[in-house]
Amino acid sequence: MNTEANPEQIDSQPKPFNSVAYWLFSVFIFLVVSYLVTCSTPLILSSHRNPDRTEAINNAKQIGIALFTFQEEYGTYPNDETAKDFIKNHPTYRKDLSGTSSNALLRQLIINSKNDRSEDMFKFRFKKSADPDGNIKPGEILKKGECELAYISGLSTAGNPSRPVILAPLIPGTKKFDPEPFDGRAIVLRMDNSAGAYTIHKDGHIYDKDGDILSPEHPIWGRKAPDIRYPE
């Protein structure tokens, strides 16, 4: 009997990796896995912040509703003139309503009896700030650090509905946004109560198809600079 192996059978058997090919394949797999882990890390970190961004957008819309309610009673959004009326009618809140900060103007939304008298809608979970503590006694409403929203004064629903009215996180004294708290995004509430997260450009500004949304040259402002009020 012929016991020699059939050459065809020998060629059909699977050939093991030689040492060099196996080593190269292992290195390739290691590099691919390392790359995927590195790329996914920012996404994992971002996912933890996304809920904060979503909450901020929802709370911005609640502020928008409060602004509409306020206008129904006073004919405009909170401004310096309505602050004078509030101080006259609510003298115990004089300390809260004095000044030109966004805190001072937005406190009117809480003191207004037709709104939900709560600080909850001002929870934007900034990295370096404290949430409002819920204390709305005179002298305690939206204290320094409890509200870091920029507010554009002098607006009402009679104006361009695309104008922004609440912005965060706007760097005080500038028209630039801090990209850190919301992963390169800014929260903007417009007068039509639309709110969203907008990409912050590398120069710190926010742009749409017509340009920088805070520039007086933008069509929504009619060449009049927006009256931006910054937090305390």
Protein backbone atom coordinates (compact mmCIF):
# COMPACT_ATOMS: atom_id res chain seq x y z
CA MET A 1 0.00 0.00 0.00
CA ASN A 2 1.27 3.43 -0.87
CA THR A 3 1.48 5.42 2.38
CA GLU A 4 2.92 8.61 0.90
CA ALA A 5 0.85 11.73 1.42
CA ASN A 6 -1.19 13.05 -1.45
CA PRO A 7 0.38 16.37 -2.58
CA GLU A 8 -3.10 17.79 -3.14
CA GLN A 9 -4.05 16.95 0.45
CA ILE A 10 -0.92 18.61 1.81
CA ASP A 11 -1.57 21.85 -0.11
CA SER A 12 -5.17 21.95 1.07
CA GLN A 13 -4.24 21.99 4.77
CA PRO A 14 -4.36 25.44 6.51
CA LYS A 15 -0.93 26.99 6.76
CA PRO A 16 0.02 28.48 10.13
CA PHE A 17 1.09 32.16 10.39
CA ASN A 18 4.79 32.57 10.23
CA SER A 19 6.20 34.48 13.20
CA VAL A 20 6.72 37.80 11.37
CA ALA A 21 3.19 37.91 9.89
CA TYR A 22 1.63 37.01 13.24
CA TRP A 23 3.64 39.75 14.99
CA LEU A 24 2.60 42.36 12.43
CA PHE A 25 -1.04 41.33 12.70
CA SER A 26 -0.93 41.63 16.52
CA VAL A 27 0.63 45.09 16.31
CA PHE A 28 -2.03 46.18 13.81
CA ILE A 29 -4.87 45.02 16.09
CA PHE A 30 -3.28 46.75 19.07
CA LEU A 31 -2.97 50.04 17.17
CA VAL A 32 -6.58 49.88 15.95
CA VAL A 33 -7.92 49.22 19.44
CA SER A 34 -5.76 52.00 20.94
CA TYR A 35 -6.98 54.44 18.29
CA LEU A 36 -10.63 53.61 18.92
CA VAL A 37 -10.21 54.01 22.68
CA THR A 38 -8.47 57.36 22.24
CA CYS A 39 -11.15 58.66 19.87
CA SER A 40 -14.02 57.51 22.05
CA THR A 41 -12.72 59.12 25.26
CA PRO A 42 -13.91 62.67 24.34
CA LEU A 43 -17.30 61.21 23.38
CA ILE A 44 -17.55 59.45 26.73
CA LEU A 45 -16.68 62.65 28.59
CA SER A 46 -19.09 64.63 26.43
CA SER A 47 -21.93 62.24 27.17
CA HIS A 48 -21.70 63.13 30.84
CA ARG A 49 -22.15 66.82 30.01
CA ASN A 50 -24.90 66.44 27.44
CA PRO A 51 -27.60 66.05 30.13
CA ASP A 52 -26.50 69.39 31.62
CA ARG A 53 -26.73 71.01 28.19
CA THR A 54 -30.19 69.55 27.65
CA GLU A 55 -31.33 70.80 31.03
CA ALA A 56 -29.95 74.25 30.25
CA ILE A 57 -31.90 74.40 26.98
CA ASN A 58 -35.11 73.31 28.71
CA ASN A 59 -34.64 75.88 31.46
CA ALA A 60 -33.95 78.57 28.87
CA LYS A 61 -37.35 77.84 27.36
CA GLN A 62 -38.92 78.16 30.81
CA ILE A 63 -37.33 81.59 31.10
CA GLY A 64 -38.83 82.40 27.70
CA ILE A 65 -42.30 81.52 28.98
CA ALA A 66 -41.71 83.69 32.05
CA LEU A 67 -40.71 86.58 29.77
CA PHE A 68 -43.93 86.24 27.78
CA THR A 69 -45.96 86.16 30.98
CA PHE A 70 -44.12 89.23 32.24
CA GLN A 71 -44.85 91.15 29.04
CA GLU A 72 -48.55 90.36 29.29
CA GLU A 73 -48.61 92.36 32.50
CA TYR A 74 -46.00 95.05 31.85
CA GLY A 75 -45.99 95.41 28.06
CA THR A 76 -42.27 94.64 27.75
CA TYR A 77 -39.55 92.37 28.99
CA PRO A 78 -37.79 93.31 32.25
CA ASN A 79 -35.76 96.48 31.90
CA ASP A 80 -34.57 99.44 33.96
CA GLU A 81 -37.97 101.15 33.86
CA THR A 82 -39.93 98.11 34.98
CA ALA A 83 -37.34 97.70 37.77
CA LYS A 84 -38.31 101.16 39.07
CA ASP A 85 -41.96 100.12 39.10
CA PHE A 86 -41.10 96.93 40.96
CA ILE A 87 -39.12 98.81 43.59
CA LYS A 88 -42.07 101.17 44.06
CA ASN A 89 -44.55 98.31 44.40
CA HIS A 90 -42.24 95.91 46.24
CA PRO A 91 -40.00 98.10 48.46
CA THR A 92 -38.74 95.10 50.44
CA TYR A 93 -37.02 93.90 47.26
CA ARG A 94 -35.14 97.15 46.65
CA LYS A 95 -31.77 95.46 47.19
CA ASP A 96 -32.61 92.71 44.68
CA LEU A 97 -33.86 95.04 41.97
CA SER A 98 -31.25 97.80 42.17
CA GLY A 99 -28.41 97.86 39.66
CA THR A 100 -28.02 97.08 35.99
CA SER A 101 -26.82 93.47 36.09
CA SER A 102 -28.64 90.60 34.44
CA ASN A 103 -29.35 89.29 37.94
CA ALA A 104 -31.18 92.50 38.88
CA LEU A 105 -33.36 92.47 35.76
CA LEU A 106 -34.09 88.75 35.75
CA ARG A 107 -35.11 88.83 39.43
CA GLN A 108 -38.25 90.59 38.25
CA LEU A 109 -39.36 87.32 36.66
CA ILE A 110 -39.36 85.64 40.06
CA ILE A 111 -40.96 88.49 41.97
CA ASN A 112 -43.70 88.79 39.35
CA SER A 113 -46.74 87.16 40.99
CA LYS A 114 -47.99 85.66 37.72
CA ASN A 115 -44.85 83.56 37.27
CA ASP A 116 -43.82 80.46 39.13
CA ARG A 117 -41.92 82.04 42.00
CA SER A 118 -38.91 79.79 41.84
CA GLU A 119 -35.23 79.94 40.92
CA ASP A 120 -35.29 76.51 39.29
CA MET A 121 -35.37 77.81 35.72
CA PHE A 122 -32.00 79.49 36.31
CA LYS A 123 -30.18 76.22 36.91
CA PHE A 124 -27.66 76.08 34.09
CA ARG A 125 -24.99 74.03 35.91
CA PHE A 126 -21.97 76.10 35.07
CA LYS A 127 -18.72 74.42 36.00
CA LYS A 128 -17.58 77.21 38.32
CA SER A 129 -20.88 78.42 39.70
CA ALA A 130 -23.39 77.28 42.25
CA ASP A 131 -26.97 76.43 41.43
CA PRO A 132 -29.60 78.77 42.87
CA ASP A 133 -30.37 77.69 46.44
CA GLY A 134 -34.13 78.19 46.13
CA ASN A 135 -34.22 81.03 48.67
CA ILE A 136 -36.38 83.84 47.25
CA LYS A 137 -36.66 85.97 50.37
CA PRO A 138 -35.77 89.66 49.96
CA GLY A 139 -32.05 90.02 49.42
CA GLU A 140 -31.60 86.35 48.55
CA ILE A 141 -32.94 86.04 44.99
CA LEU A 142 -30.36 85.02 42.36
CA LYS A 143 -27.43 86.04 44.47
CA LYS A 144 -24.00 86.50 42.92
CA GLY A 145 -22.93 83.16 41.48
CA GLU A 146 -26.46 81.78 41.31
CA CYS A 147 -27.13 83.21 37.87
CA GLU A 148 -24.44 83.52 35.22
CA LEU A 149 -26.69 84.28 32.28
CA ALA A 150 -26.25 87.31 30.05
CA TYR A 151 -29.49 89.13 29.31
CA ILE A 152 -30.24 91.58 26.52
CA SER A 153 -32.34 94.42 27.85
CA GLY A 154 -34.77 96.64 25.96
CA LEU A 155 -36.55 93.84 24.08
CA SER A 156 -40.16 92.84 23.68
CA THR A 157 -42.14 90.54 21.42
CA ALA A 158 -42.70 93.53 19.12
CA GLY A 159 -39.10 93.20 17.95
CA ASN A 160 -37.41 90.77 15.59
CA PRO A 161 -38.29 87.28 16.90
CA SER A 162 -34.82 85.99 15.98
CA ARG A 163 -33.05 88.29 18.41
CA PRO A 164 -31.29 86.47 21.27
CA VAL A 165 -32.39 87.45 24.74
CA ILE A 166 -30.63 84.98 27.04
CA LEU A 167 -27.07 83.81 26.38
CA ALA A 168 -24.65 81.53 28.19
CA PRO A 169 -21.82 81.29 28.90
CA LEU A 170 -20.95 84.81 27.72
CA ILE A 171 -17.67 86.10 29.15
CA PRO A 172 -18.50 89.24 31.22
CA GLY A 173 -17.64 92.50 29.48
CA THR A 174 -17.19 90.85 26.09
CA LYS A 175 -19.13 89.35 23.22
CA LYS A 176 -17.16 86.14 23.43
CA PHE A 177 -18.37 82.85 24.81
CA ASP A 178 -16.54 80.48 27.13
CA PRO A 179 -16.31 77.11 25.34
CA GLU A 180 -15.54 75.12 28.49
CA PRO A 181 -18.88 74.60 30.33
CA PHE A 182 -20.87 73.11 27.43
CA ASP A 183 -18.20 71.42 25.30
CA GLY A 184 -17.71 74.21 22.79
CA ARG A 185 -21.38 75.13 22.63
CA ALA A 186 -23.35 78.14 23.84
CA ILE A 187 -26.96 78.17 24.97
CA VAL A 188 -29.05 80.85 23.27
CA LEU A 189 -32.71 81.70 23.88
CA ARG A 190 -34.30 83.78 21.14
CA MET A 191 -37.36 85.97 21.44
CA ASP A 192 -39.56 83.43 19.67
CA ASN A 193 -38.75 81.07 22.60
CA SER A 194 -36.58 78.85 20.46
CA ALA A 195 -33.53 77.70 22.37
CA GLY A 196 -30.58 75.62 21.34
CA ALA A 197 -26.89 74.87 21.64
CA TYR A 198 -24.81 76.79 19.10
CA THR A 199 -21.23 76.08 18.13
CA ILE A 200 -18.73 78.60 19.46
CA HIS A 201 -16.33 79.70 16.72
CA LYS A 202 -12.61 79.54 17.40
CA ASP A 203 -12.62 83.34 17.91
CA GLY A 204 -15.16 82.99 20.73
CA HIS A 205 -18.15 84.34 18.79
CA ILE A 206 -21.32 82.70 17.49
CA TYR A 207 -22.17 83.05 13.82
CA ASP A 208 -25.14 82.24 11.67
CA LYS A 209 -25.59 82.76 7.93
CA ASP A 210 -25.76 86.54 8.45
CA GLY A 211 -22.73 86.89 10.71
CA ASP A 212 -21.94 87.39 14.38
CA ILE A 213 -25.28 87.26 16.23
CA LEU A 214 -24.19 89.96 18.69
CA SER A 215 -22.79 92.39 16.14
CA PRO A 216 -24.86 95.55 15.50
CA GLU A 217 -24.16 94.88 11.82
CA HIS A 218 -26.26 91.72 11.99
CA PRO A 219 -29.65 92.29 10.29
CA ILE A 220 -31.59 91.38 13.44
CA TRP A 221 -30.28 94.47 15.26
CA GLY A 222 -30.81 97.13 12.61
CA ARG A 223 -27.35 98.59 13.23
CA LYS A 224 -28.16 99.24 16.89
CA ALA A 225 -25.87 97.52 19.38
CA PRO A 226 -27.69 95.11 21.70
CA ASP A 227 -27.86 96.23 25.35
CA ILE A 228 -26.09 93.29 26.96
CA ARG A 229 -26.34 92.95 30.73
CA TYR A 230 -23.84 90.73 32.46
CA PRO A 231 -24.23 88.78 35.69
CA GLU A 232 -22.97 90.03 39.04
